[in-house]
């Protein structure tokens, strides 16, 4: 079965994320990167319904970050991974979130990797 990795990179959202009072006071810029490993029964035909459409992921992330304040990047990444793996053709996902403006000299992020094995445990 052919495998493909679909990337959604540098999605910048404004969202509530963090435990500190200044992080709770107003939304902050967060960059989200996702890589979905997808397995298809054959080389896909040149039609969108033959592959995983990344629109659902982008729209889902926007809805997720509008819906609530996240305390931890780890939980945000888990939620995005769960969203990505709703499509049964996605066999693994790597999610990275990065707070863009916490420090003047560095970015702060979290990355997780989930696959069918880790999701079922």
PDB file of N, CA and C in Angstrom:
ATOM      1  N   UNK A   1       0.840  -1.189   0.000  1.00  0.00           N
ATOM      2  CA  UNK A   1       0.000   0.000   0.000  1.00  0.00           C
ATOM      3  C   UNK A   1       0.878   1.242   0.000  1.00  0.00           C
ATOM      4  N   UNK A   2       0.641   2.148  -0.895  1.00  0.00           N
ATOM      5  CA  UNK A   2       1.450   3.376  -0.929  1.00  0.00           C
ATOM      6  C   UNK A   2       1.182   4.275   0.277  1.00  0.00           C
ATOM      7  N   UNK A   3       2.244   4.881   0.776  1.00  0.00           N
ATOM      8  CA  UNK A   3       2.124   5.848   1.865  1.00  0.00           C
ATOM      9  C   UNK A   3       2.533   7.223   1.362  1.00  0.00           C
ATOM     10  N   UNK A   4       1.856   8.218   1.862  1.00  0.00           N
ATOM     11  CA  UNK A   4       2.141   9.610   1.534  1.00  0.00           C
ATOM     12  C   UNK A   4       2.139  10.391   2.838  1.00  0.00           C
ATOM     13  N   UNK A   5       2.946  11.433   2.905  1.00  0.00           N
ATOM     14  CA  UNK A   5       2.931  12.318   4.061  1.00  0.00           C
ATOM     15  C   UNK A   5       2.381  13.662   3.601  1.00  0.00           C
ATOM     16  N   UNK A   6       1.283  14.047   4.198  1.00  0.00           N
ATOM     17  CA  UNK A   6       0.632  15.315   3.879  1.00  0.00           C
ATOM     18  C   UNK A   6       1.003  16.313   4.965  1.00  0.00           C
ATOM     19  N   UNK A   7       1.477  17.472   4.561  1.00  0.00           N
ATOM     20  CA  UNK A   7       1.929  18.489   5.510  1.00  0.00           C
ATOM     21  C   UNK A   7       0.986  19.683   5.535  1.00  0.00           C
ATOM     22  N   UNK A   8       0.681  20.124   6.739  1.00  0.00           N
ATOM     23  CA  UNK A   8       0.044  21.416   6.966  1.00  0.00           C
ATOM     24  C   UNK A   8       1.049  22.174   7.819  1.00  0.00           C
ATOM     25  N   UNK A   9       1.720  23.140   7.214  1.00  0.00           N
ATOM     26  CA  UNK A   9       2.828  23.802   7.897  1.00  0.00           C
ATOM     27  C   UNK A   9       2.562  25.287   8.097  1.00  0.00           C
ATOM     28  N   UNK A  10       3.083  25.778   9.208  1.00  0.00           N
ATOM     29  CA  UNK A  10       3.080  27.207   9.518  1.00  0.00           C
ATOM     30  C   UNK A  10       1.676  27.794   9.586  1.00  0.00           C
ATOM     31  N   UNK A  11       0.733  26.992  10.104  1.00  0.00           N
ATOM     32  CA  UNK A  11      -0.604  27.529  10.347  1.00  0.00           C
ATOM     33  C   UNK A  11      -0.514  28.407  11.579  1.00  0.00           C
ATOM     34  N   UNK A  12      -0.714  29.685  11.413  1.00  0.00           N
ATOM     35  CA  UNK A  12      -0.624  30.606  12.540  1.00  0.00           C
ATOM     36  C   UNK A  12      -2.019  30.951  13.023  1.00  0.00           C
ATOM     37  N   UNK A  13      -2.254  30.695  14.307  1.00  0.00           N
ATOM     38  CA  UNK A  13      -3.542  30.983  14.914  1.00  0.00           C
ATOM     39  C   UNK A  13      -3.338  31.914  16.101  1.00  0.00           C
ATOM     40  N   UNK A  14      -4.369  32.635  16.432  1.00  0.00           N
ATOM     41  CA  UNK A  14      -4.390  33.461  17.632  1.00  0.00           C
ATOM     42  C   UNK A  14      -5.311  32.748  18.607  1.00  0.00           C
ATOM     43  N   UNK A  15      -4.764  32.383  19.765  1.00  0.00           N
ATOM     44  CA  UNK A  15      -5.544  31.524  20.656  1.00  0.00           C
ATOM     45  C   UNK A  15      -5.163  31.712  22.108  1.00  0.00           C
ATOM     46  N   UNK A  16      -6.031  31.232  22.986  1.00  0.00           N
ATOM     47  CA  UNK A  16      -5.729  31.193  24.405  1.00  0.00           C
ATOM     48  C   UNK A  16      -4.921  29.948  24.707  1.00  0.00           C
ATOM     49  N   UNK A  17      -3.703  30.147  25.205  1.00  0.00           N
ATOM     50  CA  UNK A  17      -2.822  29.024  25.507  1.00  0.00           C
ATOM     51  C   UNK A  17      -1.850  29.426  26.601  1.00  0.00           C
ATOM     52  N   UNK A  18      -1.861  28.713  27.700  1.00  0.00           N
ATOM     53  CA  UNK A  18      -0.879  28.969  28.741  1.00  0.00           C
ATOM     54  C   UNK A  18      -1.488  29.057  30.123  1.00  0.00           C
ATOM     55  N   UNK A  19      -0.610  28.990  31.122  1.00  0.00           N
ATOM     56  CA  UNK A  19      -1.026  28.979  32.518  1.00  0.00           C
ATOM     57  C   UNK A  19      -0.811  30.319  33.220  1.00  0.00           C
ATOM     58  N   UNK A  20       0.005  31.183  32.657  1.00  0.00           N
ATOM     59  CA  UNK A  20       0.347  32.437  33.317  1.00  0.00           C
ATOM     60  C   UNK A  20      -0.729  33.495  33.090  1.00  0.00           C
ATOM     61  N   UNK A  21      -0.875  34.410  34.042  1.00  0.00           N
ATOM     62  CA  UNK A  21      -1.905  35.453  33.898  1.00  0.00           C
ATOM     63  C   UNK A  21      -1.816  36.230  32.583  1.00  0.00           C
ATOM     64  N   UNK A  22      -0.601  36.579  32.142  1.00  0.00           N
ATOM     65  CA  UNK A  22      -0.482  37.333  30.890  1.00  0.00           C
ATOM     66  C   UNK A  22      -0.883  36.481  29.680  1.00  0.00           C
ATOM     67  N   UNK A  23      -0.778  35.147  29.796  1.00  0.00           N
ATOM     68  CA  UNK A  23      -1.213  34.271  28.714  1.00  0.00           C
ATOM     69  C   UNK A  23      -2.731  34.093  28.720  1.00  0.00           C
ATOM     70  N   UNK A  24      -3.335  34.266  29.882  1.00  0.00           N
ATOM     71  CA  UNK A  24      -4.781  34.159  30.003  1.00  0.00           C
ATOM     72  C   UNK A  24      -5.472  35.471  29.652  1.00  0.00           C
ATOM     73  N   UNK A  25      -4.728  36.567  29.713  1.00  0.00           N
ATOM     74  CA  UNK A  25      -5.325  37.895  29.510  1.00  0.00           C
ATOM     75  C   UNK A  25      -5.751  38.145  28.069  1.00  0.00           C
ATOM     76  N   UNK A  26      -4.996  37.610  27.137  1.00  0.00           N
ATOM     77  CA  UNK A  26      -5.326  37.830  25.728  1.00  0.00           C
ATOM     78  C   UNK A  26      -4.760  36.706  24.868  1.00  0.00           C
ATOM     79  N   UNK A  27      -5.340  36.507  23.699  1.00  0.00           N
ATOM     80  CA  UNK A  27      -4.832  35.457  22.802  1.00  0.00           C
ATOM     81  C   UNK A  27      -3.383  35.725  22.395  1.00  0.00           C
ATOM     82  N   UNK A  28      -2.682  34.681  22.044  1.00  0.00           N
ATOM     83  CA  UNK A  28      -1.309  34.809  21.567  1.00  0.00           C
ATOM     84  C   UNK A  28      -1.137  34.059  20.255  1.00  0.00           C
ATOM     85  N   UNK A  29      -0.069  34.426  19.546  1.00  0.00           N
ATOM     86  CA  UNK A  29       0.228  33.766  18.267  1.00  0.00           C
ATOM     87  C   UNK A  29       0.859  32.403  18.536  1.00  0.00           C
ATOM     88  N   UNK A  30       0.279  31.392  17.875  1.00  0.00           N
ATOM     89  CA  UNK A  30       0.793  30.032  17.979  1.00  0.00           C
ATOM     90  C   UNK A  30       0.902  29.476  16.562  1.00  0.00           C
ATOM     91  N   UNK A  31       2.047  28.872  16.289  1.00  0.00           N
ATOM     92  CA  UNK A  31       2.256  28.208  14.995  1.00  0.00           C
ATOM     93  C   UNK A  31       2.010  26.719  15.185  1.00  0.00           C
ATOM     94  N   UNK A  32       1.274  26.134  14.255  1.00  0.00           N
ATOM     95  CA  UNK A  32       0.980  24.710  14.310  1.00  0.00           C
ATOM     96  C   UNK A  32       1.433  24.061  13.004  1.00  0.00           C
ATOM     97  N   UNK A  33       2.195  22.978  13.138  1.00  0.00           N
ATOM     98  CA  UNK A  33       2.647  22.185  11.992  1.00  0.00           C
ATOM     99  C   UNK A  33       2.150  20.758  12.192  1.00  0.00           C
ATOM    100  N   UNK A  34       1.630  20.175  11.121  1.00  0.00           N
ATOM    101  CA  UNK A  34       1.120  18.809  11.191  1.00  0.00           C
ATOM    102  C   UNK A  34       1.632  18.029   9.976  1.00  0.00           C
ATOM    103  N   UNK A  35       2.080  16.808  10.223  1.00  0.00           N
ATOM    104  CA  UNK A  35       2.450  15.886   9.140  1.00  0.00           C
ATOM    105  C   UNK A  35       1.642  14.609   9.348  1.00  0.00           C
ATOM    106  N   UNK A  36       0.791  14.287   8.379  1.00  0.00           N
ATOM    107  CA  UNK A  36      -0.051  13.094   8.455  1.00  0.00           C
ATOM    108  C   UNK A  36       0.475  12.038   7.490  1.00  0.00           C
ATOM    109  N   UNK A  37       0.808  10.856   7.994  1.00  0.00           N
ATOM    110  CA  UNK A  37       1.163   9.743   7.132  1.00  0.00           C
ATOM    111  C   UNK A  37      -0.135   9.053   6.745  1.00  0.00           C
ATOM    112  N   UNK A  38      -0.358   8.970   5.452  1.00  0.00           N
ATOM    113  CA  UNK A  38      -1.611   8.415   4.930  1.00  0.00           C
ATOM    114  C   UNK A  38      -1.312   7.182   4.092  1.00  0.00           C
ATOM    115  N   UNK A  39      -2.145   6.173   4.242  1.00  0.00           N
ATOM    116  CA  UNK A  39      -1.988   4.935   3.490  1.00  0.00           C
ATOM    117  C   UNK A  39      -3.242   4.729   2.649  1.00  0.00           C
ATOM    118  N   UNK A  40      -3.011   4.500   1.354  1.00  0.00           N
ATOM    119  CA  UNK A  40      -4.100   4.271   0.413  1.00  0.00           C
ATOM    120  C   UNK A  40      -3.952   2.868  -0.159  1.00  0.00           C
ATOM    121  N   UNK A  41      -5.066   2.234  -0.540  1.00  0.00           N
ATOM    122  CA  UNK A  41      -4.979   0.871  -1.064  1.00  0.00           C
ATOM    123  C   UNK A  41      -4.227   0.772  -2.395  1.00  0.00           C
ATOM    124  N   UNK A  42      -4.160   1.877  -3.123  1.00  0.00           N
ATOM    125  CA  UNK A  42      -3.454   1.903  -4.413  1.00  0.00           C
ATOM    126  C   UNK A  42      -2.997   3.329  -4.659  1.00  0.00           C
ATOM    127  N   UNK A  43      -2.198   3.518  -5.677  1.00  0.00           N
ATOM    128  CA  UNK A  43      -1.833   4.888  -6.054  1.00  0.00           C
ATOM    129  C   UNK A  43      -3.138   5.615  -6.356  1.00  0.00           C
ATOM    130  N   UNK A  44      -3.356   6.745  -5.676  1.00  0.00           N
ATOM    131  CA  UNK A  44      -4.661   7.397  -5.815  1.00  0.00           C
ATOM    132  C   UNK A  44      -4.906   7.972  -7.206  1.00  0.00           C
ATOM    133  N   UNK A  45      -6.185   7.959  -7.560  1.00  0.00           N
ATOM    134  CA  UNK A  45      -6.599   8.630  -8.786  1.00  0.00           C
ATOM    135  C   UNK A  45      -6.492  10.128  -8.553  1.00  0.00           C
ATOM    136  N   UNK A  46      -6.522  10.887  -9.600  1.00  0.00           N
ATOM    137  CA  UNK A  46      -6.348  12.334  -9.524  1.00  0.00           C
ATOM    138  C   UNK A  46      -7.685  13.012  -9.167  1.00  0.00           C
ATOM    139  N   UNK A  47      -8.210  12.630  -7.986  1.00  0.00           N
ATOM    140  CA  UNK A  47      -9.462  13.173  -7.469  1.00  0.00           C
ATOM    141  C   UNK A  47      -9.299  13.404  -5.971  1.00  0.00           C
ATOM    142  N   UNK A  48      -9.879  14.477  -5.461  1.00  0.00           N
ATOM    143  CA  UNK A  48      -9.728  14.801  -4.048  1.00  0.00           C
ATOM    144  C   UNK A  48     -10.341  13.737  -3.142  1.00  0.00           C
ATOM    145  N   UNK A  49     -11.406  13.090  -3.563  1.00  0.00           N
ATOM    146  CA  UNK A  49     -12.017  12.075  -2.704  1.00  0.00           C
ATOM    147  C   UNK A  49     -11.196  10.784  -2.619  1.00  0.00           C
ATOM    148  N   UNK A  50     -10.129  10.687  -3.384  1.00  0.00           N
ATOM    149  CA  UNK A  50      -9.263   9.513  -3.349  1.00  0.00           C
ATOM    150  C   UNK A  50      -8.155   9.643  -2.303  1.00  0.00           C
ATOM    151  N   UNK A  51      -8.036  10.824  -1.693  1.00  0.00           N
ATOM    152  CA  UNK A  51      -6.961  11.080  -0.737  1.00  0.00           C
ATOM    153  C   UNK A  51      -7.514  11.792   0.496  1.00  0.00           C
ATOM    154  N   UNK A  52      -6.664  11.936   1.504  1.00  0.00           N
ATOM    155  CA  UNK A  52      -7.036  12.713   2.686  1.00  0.00           C
ATOM    156  C   UNK A  52      -6.965  14.187   2.303  1.00  0.00           C
ATOM    157  N   UNK A  53      -8.067  14.870   2.453  1.00  0.00           N
ATOM    158  CA  UNK A  53      -8.166  16.290   2.115  1.00  0.00           C
ATOM    159  C   UNK A  53      -7.745  17.108   3.341  1.00  0.00           C
ATOM    160  N   UNK A  54      -6.683  17.880   3.228  1.00  0.00           N
ATOM    161  CA  UNK A  54      -6.157  18.618   4.374  1.00  0.00           C
ATOM    162  C   UNK A  54      -7.048  19.784   4.800  1.00  0.00           C
ATOM    163  N   UNK A  55      -8.057  20.129   3.996  1.00  0.00           N
ATOM    164  CA  UNK A  55      -8.978  21.199   4.402  1.00  0.00           C
ATOM    165  C   UNK A  55      -9.659  20.877   5.730  1.00  0.00           C
ATOM    166  N   UNK A  56     -10.036  19.603   5.921  1.00  0.00           N
ATOM    167  CA  UNK A  56     -10.726  19.234   7.161  1.00  0.00           C
ATOM    168  C   UNK A  56      -9.830  19.499   8.366  1.00  0.00           C
ATOM    169  N   UNK A  57      -8.544  19.295   8.216  1.00  0.00           N
ATOM    170  CA  UNK A  57      -7.608  19.483   9.314  1.00  0.00           C
ATOM    171  C   UNK A  57      -7.457  20.964   9.644  1.00  0.00           C
ATOM    172  N   UNK A  58      -7.251  21.778   8.629  1.00  0.00           N
ATOM    173  CA  UNK A  58      -7.104  23.223   8.852  1.00  0.00           C
ATOM    174  C   UNK A  58      -8.363  23.802   9.490  1.00  0.00           C
ATOM    175  N   UNK A  59      -9.505  23.476   8.930  1.00  0.00           N
ATOM    176  CA  UNK A  59     -10.771  23.984   9.476  1.00  0.00           C
ATOM    177  C   UNK A  59     -11.003  23.470  10.890  1.00  0.00           C
ATOM    178  N   UNK A  60     -10.669  22.212  11.129  1.00  0.00           N
ATOM    179  CA  UNK A  60     -10.834  21.627  12.456  1.00  0.00           C
ATOM    180  C   UNK A  60      -9.947  22.280  13.500  1.00  0.00           C
ATOM    181  N   UNK A  61      -8.717  22.603  13.138  1.00  0.00           N
ATOM    182  CA  UNK A  61      -7.809  23.279  14.073  1.00  0.00           C
ATOM    183  C   UNK A  61      -8.352  24.661  14.408  1.00  0.00           C
ATOM    184  N   UNK A  62      -8.810  25.396  13.411  1.00  0.00           N
ATOM    185  CA  UNK A  62      -9.386  26.719  13.682  1.00  0.00           C
ATOM    186  C   UNK A  62     -10.571  26.606  14.635  1.00  0.00           C
ATOM    187  N   UNK A  63     -11.435  25.632  14.440  1.00  0.00           N
ATOM    188  CA  UNK A  63     -12.585  25.445  15.324  1.00  0.00           C
ATOM    189  C   UNK A  63     -12.133  25.064  16.737  1.00  0.00           C
ATOM    190  N   UNK A  64     -11.133  24.216  16.833  1.00  0.00           N
ATOM    191  CA  UNK A  64     -10.612  23.758  18.120  1.00  0.00           C
ATOM    192  C   UNK A  64     -10.063  24.919  18.949  1.00  0.00           C
ATOM    193  N   UNK A  65      -9.266  25.784  18.326  1.00  0.00           N
ATOM    194  CA  UNK A  65      -8.638  26.864  19.087  1.00  0.00           C
ATOM    195  C   UNK A  65      -9.627  27.988  19.411  1.00  0.00           C
ATOM    196  N   UNK A  66     -10.720  28.073  18.655  1.00  0.00           N
ATOM    197  CA  UNK A  66     -11.767  29.051  18.986  1.00  0.00           C
ATOM    198  C   UNK A  66     -12.626  28.567  20.144  1.00  0.00           C
ATOM    199  N   UNK A  67     -12.705  27.258  20.334  1.00  0.00           N
ATOM    200  CA  UNK A  67     -13.644  26.665  21.281  1.00  0.00           C
ATOM    201  C   UNK A  67     -13.225  26.784  22.745  1.00  0.00           C
ATOM    202  N   UNK A  68     -11.934  26.919  23.016  1.00  0.00           N
ATOM    203  CA  UNK A  68     -11.512  26.903  24.422  1.00  0.00           C
ATOM    204  C   UNK A  68     -10.114  27.461  24.612  1.00  0.00           C
ATOM    205  N   UNK A  69      -9.775  27.709  25.862  1.00  0.00           N
ATOM    206  CA  UNK A  69      -8.415  28.066  26.260  1.00  0.00           C
ATOM    207  C   UNK A  69      -7.710  26.775  26.650  1.00  0.00           C
ATOM    208  N   UNK A  70      -6.514  26.583  26.151  1.00  0.00           N
ATOM    209  CA  UNK A  70      -5.702  25.421  26.506  1.00  0.00           C
ATOM    210  C   UNK A  70      -4.661  25.849  27.529  1.00  0.00           C
ATOM    211  N   UNK A  71      -4.508  25.084  28.569  1.00  0.00           N
ATOM    212  CA  UNK A  71      -3.468  25.346  29.562  1.00  0.00           C
ATOM    213  C   UNK A  71      -2.098  24.948  29.007  1.00  0.00           C
ATOM    214  N   UNK A  72      -2.038  23.781  28.354  1.00  0.00           N
ATOM    215  CA  UNK A  72      -0.765  23.179  27.953  1.00  0.00           C
ATOM    216  C   UNK A  72      -0.689  22.913  26.460  1.00  0.00           C
ATOM    217  N   UNK A  73       0.502  23.113  25.903  1.00  0.00           N
ATOM    218  CA  UNK A  73       0.729  22.774  24.504  1.00  0.00           C
ATOM    219  C   UNK A  73       0.590  21.272  24.276  1.00  0.00           C
ATOM    220  N   UNK A  74       0.950  20.486  25.258  1.00  0.00           N
ATOM    221  CA  UNK A  74       0.834  19.040  25.116  1.00  0.00           C
ATOM    222  C   UNK A  74      -0.618  18.627  24.828  1.00  0.00           C
ATOM    223  N   UNK A  75      -1.548  19.254  25.524  1.00  0.00           N
ATOM    224  CA  UNK A  75      -2.967  18.928  25.334  1.00  0.00           C
ATOM    225  C   UNK A  75      -3.447  19.434  23.975  1.00  0.00           C
ATOM    226  N   UNK A  76      -3.009  20.614  23.583  1.00  0.00           N
ATOM    227  CA  UNK A  76      -3.339  21.132  22.253  1.00  0.00           C
ATOM    228  C   UNK A  76      -2.855  20.153  21.181  1.00  0.00           C
ATOM    229  N   UNK A  77      -1.624  19.709  21.277  1.00  0.00           N
ATOM    230  CA  UNK A  77      -1.075  18.767  20.290  1.00  0.00           C
ATOM    231  C   UNK A  77      -1.852  17.457  20.271  1.00  0.00           C
ATOM    232  N   UNK A  78      -2.236  16.958  21.431  1.00  0.00           N
ATOM    233  CA  UNK A  78      -3.029  15.721  21.493  1.00  0.00           C
ATOM    234  C   UNK A  78      -4.373  15.899  20.791  1.00  0.00           C
ATOM    235  N   UNK A  79      -5.014  17.035  21.007  1.00  0.00           N
ATOM    236  CA  UNK A  79      -6.314  17.292  20.375  1.00  0.00           C
ATOM    237  C   UNK A  79      -6.183  17.367  18.850  1.00  0.00           C
ATOM    238  N   UNK A  80      -5.133  18.013  18.383  1.00  0.00           N
ATOM    239  CA  UNK A  80      -4.911  18.105  16.939  1.00  0.00           C
ATOM    240  C   UNK A  80      -4.615  16.714  16.365  1.00  0.00           C
ATOM    241  N   UNK A  81      -3.822  15.924  17.068  1.00  0.00           N
ATOM    242  CA  UNK A  81      -3.518  14.564  16.607  1.00  0.00           C
ATOM    243  C   UNK A  81      -4.786  13.718  16.531  1.00  0.00           C
ATOM    244  N   UNK A  82      -5.634  13.828  17.525  1.00  0.00           N
ATOM    245  CA  UNK A  82      -6.901  13.088  17.524  1.00  0.00           C
ATOM    246  C   UNK A  82      -7.760  13.508  16.336  1.00  0.00           C
ATOM    247  N   UNK A  83      -7.801  14.793  16.081  1.00  0.00           N
ATOM    248  CA  UNK A  83      -8.541  15.302  14.924  1.00  0.00           C
ATOM    249  C   UNK A  83      -8.002  14.701  13.630  1.00  0.00           C
ATOM    250  N   UNK A  84      -6.696  14.724  13.454  1.00  0.00           N
ATOM    251  CA  UNK A  84      -6.079  14.211  12.224  1.00  0.00           C
ATOM    252  C   UNK A  84      -6.352  12.728  12.027  1.00  0.00           C
ATOM    253  N   UNK A  85      -6.353  11.976  13.113  1.00  0.00           N
ATOM    254  CA  UNK A  85      -6.493  10.529  12.992  1.00  0.00           C
ATOM    255  C   UNK A  85      -7.945  10.065  12.897  1.00  0.00           C
ATOM    256  N   UNK A  86      -8.868  10.996  12.841  1.00  0.00           N
ATOM    257  CA  UNK A  86     -10.273  10.611  12.613  1.00  0.00           C
ATOM    258  C   UNK A  86     -10.460   9.963  11.248  1.00  0.00           C
ATOM    259  N   UNK A  87      -9.637  10.377  10.288  1.00  0.00           N
ATOM    260  CA  UNK A  87      -9.693   9.747   8.965  1.00  0.00           C
ATOM    261  C   UNK A  87      -8.902   8.448   9.066  1.00  0.00           C
ATOM    262  N   UNK A  88      -9.537   7.342   8.817  1.00  0.00           N
ATOM    263  CA  UNK A  88      -8.929   6.016   8.990  1.00  0.00           C
ATOM    264  C   UNK A  88      -7.735   5.771   8.075  1.00  0.00           C
ATOM    265  N   UNK A  89      -7.560   6.588   7.043  1.00  0.00           N
ATOM    266  CA  UNK A  89      -6.407   6.429   6.157  1.00  0.00           C
ATOM    267  C   UNK A  89      -5.152   7.054   6.744  1.00  0.00           C
ATOM    268  N   UNK A  90      -5.301   7.841   7.820  1.00  0.00           N
ATOM    269  CA  UNK A  90      -4.151   8.433   8.499  1.00  0.00           C
ATOM    270  C   UNK A  90      -3.621   7.402   9.489  1.00  0.00           C
ATOM    271  N   UNK A  91      -2.396   6.946   9.255  1.00  0.00           N
ATOM    272  CA  UNK A  91      -1.808   5.903  10.101  1.00  0.00           C
ATOM    273  C   UNK A  91      -0.862   6.462  11.156  1.00  0.00           C
ATOM    274  N   UNK A  92      -0.398   7.691  10.955  1.00  0.00           N
ATOM    275  CA  UNK A  92       0.485   8.341  11.927  1.00  0.00           C
ATOM    276  C   UNK A  92       0.386   9.846  11.728  1.00  0.00           C
ATOM    277  N   UNK A  93       0.686  10.566  12.799  1.00  0.00           N
ATOM    278  CA  UNK A  93       0.647  12.022  12.718  1.00  0.00           C
ATOM    279  C   UNK A  93       1.721  12.609  13.625  1.00  0.00           C
ATOM    280  N   UNK A  94       2.349  13.665  13.154  1.00  0.00           N
ATOM    281  CA  UNK A  94       3.298  14.440  13.964  1.00  0.00           C
ATOM    282  C   UNK A  94       2.718  15.844  14.078  1.00  0.00           C
ATOM    283  N   UNK A  95       2.584  16.324  15.302  1.00  0.00           N
ATOM    284  CA  UNK A  95       2.011  17.644  15.547  1.00  0.00           C
ATOM    285  C   UNK A  95       3.007  18.460  16.357  1.00  0.00           C
ATOM    286  N   UNK A  96       3.190  19.693  15.932  1.00  0.00           N
ATOM    287  CA  UNK A  96       4.092  20.604  16.642  1.00  0.00           C
ATOM    288  C   UNK A  96       3.380  21.919  16.844  1.00  0.00           C
ATOM    289  N   UNK A  97       3.443  22.437  18.065  1.00  0.00           N
ATOM    290  CA  UNK A  97       2.926  23.780  18.347  1.00  0.00           C
ATOM    291  C   UNK A  97       4.079  24.621  18.875  1.00  0.00           C
ATOM    292  N   UNK A  98       4.059  25.899  18.527  1.00  0.00           N
ATOM    293  CA  UNK A  98       5.130  26.807  18.953  1.00  0.00           C
ATOM    294  C   UNK A  98       4.524  28.146  19.339  1.00  0.00           C
ATOM    295  N   UNK A  99       4.752  28.551  20.579  1.00  0.00           N
ATOM    296  CA  UNK A  99       4.360  29.891  21.012  1.00  0.00           C
ATOM    297  C   UNK A  99       5.371  30.859  20.412  1.00  0.00           C
ATOM    298  N   UNK A 100       4.880  31.825  19.658  1.00  0.00           N
ATOM    299  CA  UNK A 100       5.756  32.702  18.890  1.00  0.00           C
ATOM    300  C   UNK A 100       6.332  33.878  19.685  1.00  0.00           C
ATOM    301  N   UNK A 101       5.641  34.329  20.717  1.00  0.00           N
ATOM    302  CA  UNK A 101       6.002  35.613  21.334  1.00  0.00           C
ATOM    303  C   UNK A 101       6.257  35.555  22.833  1.00  0.00           C
ATOM    304  N   UNK A 102       6.502  34.393  23.399  1.00  0.00           N
ATOM    305  CA  UNK A 102       6.708  34.293  24.839  1.00  0.00           C
ATOM    306  C   UNK A 102       8.018  34.945  25.278  1.00  0.00           C
ATOM    307  N   UNK A 103       9.074  34.643  24.555  1.00  0.00           N
ATOM    308  CA  UNK A 103      10.388  35.199  24.882  1.00  0.00           C
ATOM    309  C   UNK A 103      10.886  36.036  23.714  1.00  0.00           C
ATOM    310  N   UNK A 104      11.670  37.067  23.992  1.00  0.00           N
ATOM    311  CA  UNK A 104      12.197  37.879  22.891  1.00  0.00           C
ATOM    312  C   UNK A 104      13.296  37.174  22.096  1.00  0.00           C
ATOM    313  N   UNK A 105      13.916  36.158  22.706  1.00  0.00           N
ATOM    314  CA  UNK A 105      15.065  35.516  22.062  1.00  0.00           C
ATOM    315  C   UNK A 105      14.849  34.033  21.747  1.00  0.00           C
ATOM    316  N   UNK A 106      13.628  33.532  21.917  1.00  0.00           N
ATOM    317  CA  UNK A 106      13.389  32.104  21.671  1.00  0.00           C
ATOM    318  C   UNK A 106      11.905  31.841  21.466  1.00  0.00           C
ATOM    319  N   UNK A 107      11.606  30.729  20.854  1.00  0.00           N
ATOM    320  CA  UNK A 107      10.242  30.232  20.699  1.00  0.00           C
ATOM    321  C   UNK A 107      10.115  29.004  21.588  1.00  0.00           C
ATOM    322  N   UNK A 108       8.913  28.727  22.061  1.00  0.00           N
ATOM    323  CA  UNK A 108       8.690  27.602  22.961  1.00  0.00           C
ATOM    324  C   UNK A 108       7.674  26.668  22.323  1.00  0.00           C
ATOM    325  N   UNK A 109       8.025  25.379  22.202  1.00  0.00           N
ATOM    326  CA  UNK A 109       7.125  24.476  21.509  1.00  0.00           C
ATOM    327  C   UNK A 109       7.033  23.095  22.117  1.00  0.00           C
ATOM    328  N   UNK A 110       6.152  22.322  21.529  1.00  0.00           N
ATOM    329  CA  UNK A 110       5.940  20.928  21.910  1.00  0.00           C
ATOM    330  C   UNK A 110       5.691  20.146  20.628  1.00  0.00           C
ATOM    331  N   UNK A 111       6.198  18.923  20.571  1.00  0.00           N
ATOM    332  CA  UNK A 111       5.945  18.071  19.420  1.00  0.00           C
ATOM    333  C   UNK A 111       5.600  16.681  19.904  1.00  0.00           C
ATOM    334  N   UNK A 112       4.583  16.094  19.290  1.00  0.00           N
ATOM    335  CA  UNK A 112       4.212  14.721  19.606  1.00  0.00           C
ATOM    336  C   UNK A 112       4.111  13.924  18.317  1.00  0.00           C
ATOM    337  N   UNK A 113       4.271  12.626  18.439  1.00  0.00           N
ATOM    338  CA  UNK A 113       4.084  11.706  17.316  1.00  0.00           C
ATOM    339  C   UNK A 113       3.124  10.626  17.790  1.00  0.00           C
ATOM    340  N   UNK A 114       2.086  10.436  17.022  1.00  0.00           N
ATOM    341  CA  UNK A 114       1.104   9.402  17.335  1.00  0.00           C
ATOM    342  C   UNK A 114       0.911   8.529  16.101  1.00  0.00           C
ATOM    343  N   UNK A 115       0.733   7.245  16.343  1.00  0.00           N
ATOM    344  CA  UNK A 115       0.407   6.323  15.251  1.00  0.00           C
ATOM    345  C   UNK A 115      -0.680   5.397  15.737  1.00  0.00           C
ATOM    346  N   UNK A 116      -1.127   4.505  14.891  1.00  0.00           N
ATOM    347  CA  UNK A 116      -2.228   3.628  15.275  1.00  0.00           C
ATOM    348  C   UNK A 116      -1.921   2.857  16.548  1.00  0.00           C
ATOM    349  N   UNK A 117      -0.689   2.481  16.768  1.00  0.00           N
ATOM    350  CA  UNK A 117      -0.299   1.739  17.955  1.00  0.00           C
ATOM    351  C   UNK A 117      -0.444   2.596  19.209  1.00  0.00           C
ATOM    352  N   UNK A 118       0.087   3.821  19.192  1.00  0.00           N
ATOM    353  CA  UNK A 118       0.029   4.667  20.381  1.00  0.00           C
ATOM    354  C   UNK A 118      -1.377   5.150  20.661  1.00  0.00           C
ATOM    355  N   UNK A 119      -2.195   5.307  19.654  1.00  0.00           N
ATOM    356  CA  UNK A 119      -3.561   5.764  19.852  1.00  0.00           C
ATOM    357  C   UNK A 119      -4.405   4.673  20.491  1.00  0.00           C
ATOM    358  N   UNK A 120      -4.135   3.420  20.171  1.00  0.00           N
ATOM    359  CA  UNK A 120      -4.925   2.313  20.690  1.00  0.00           C
ATOM    360  C   UNK A 120      -4.522   1.899  22.099  1.00  0.00           C
ATOM    361  N   UNK A 121      -3.372   2.333  22.567  1.00  0.00           N
ATOM    362  CA  UNK A 121      -2.904   1.945  23.910  1.00  0.00           C
ATOM    363  C   UNK A 121      -3.688   2.634  25.001  1.00  0.00           C
TER     364      UNK A 121
END
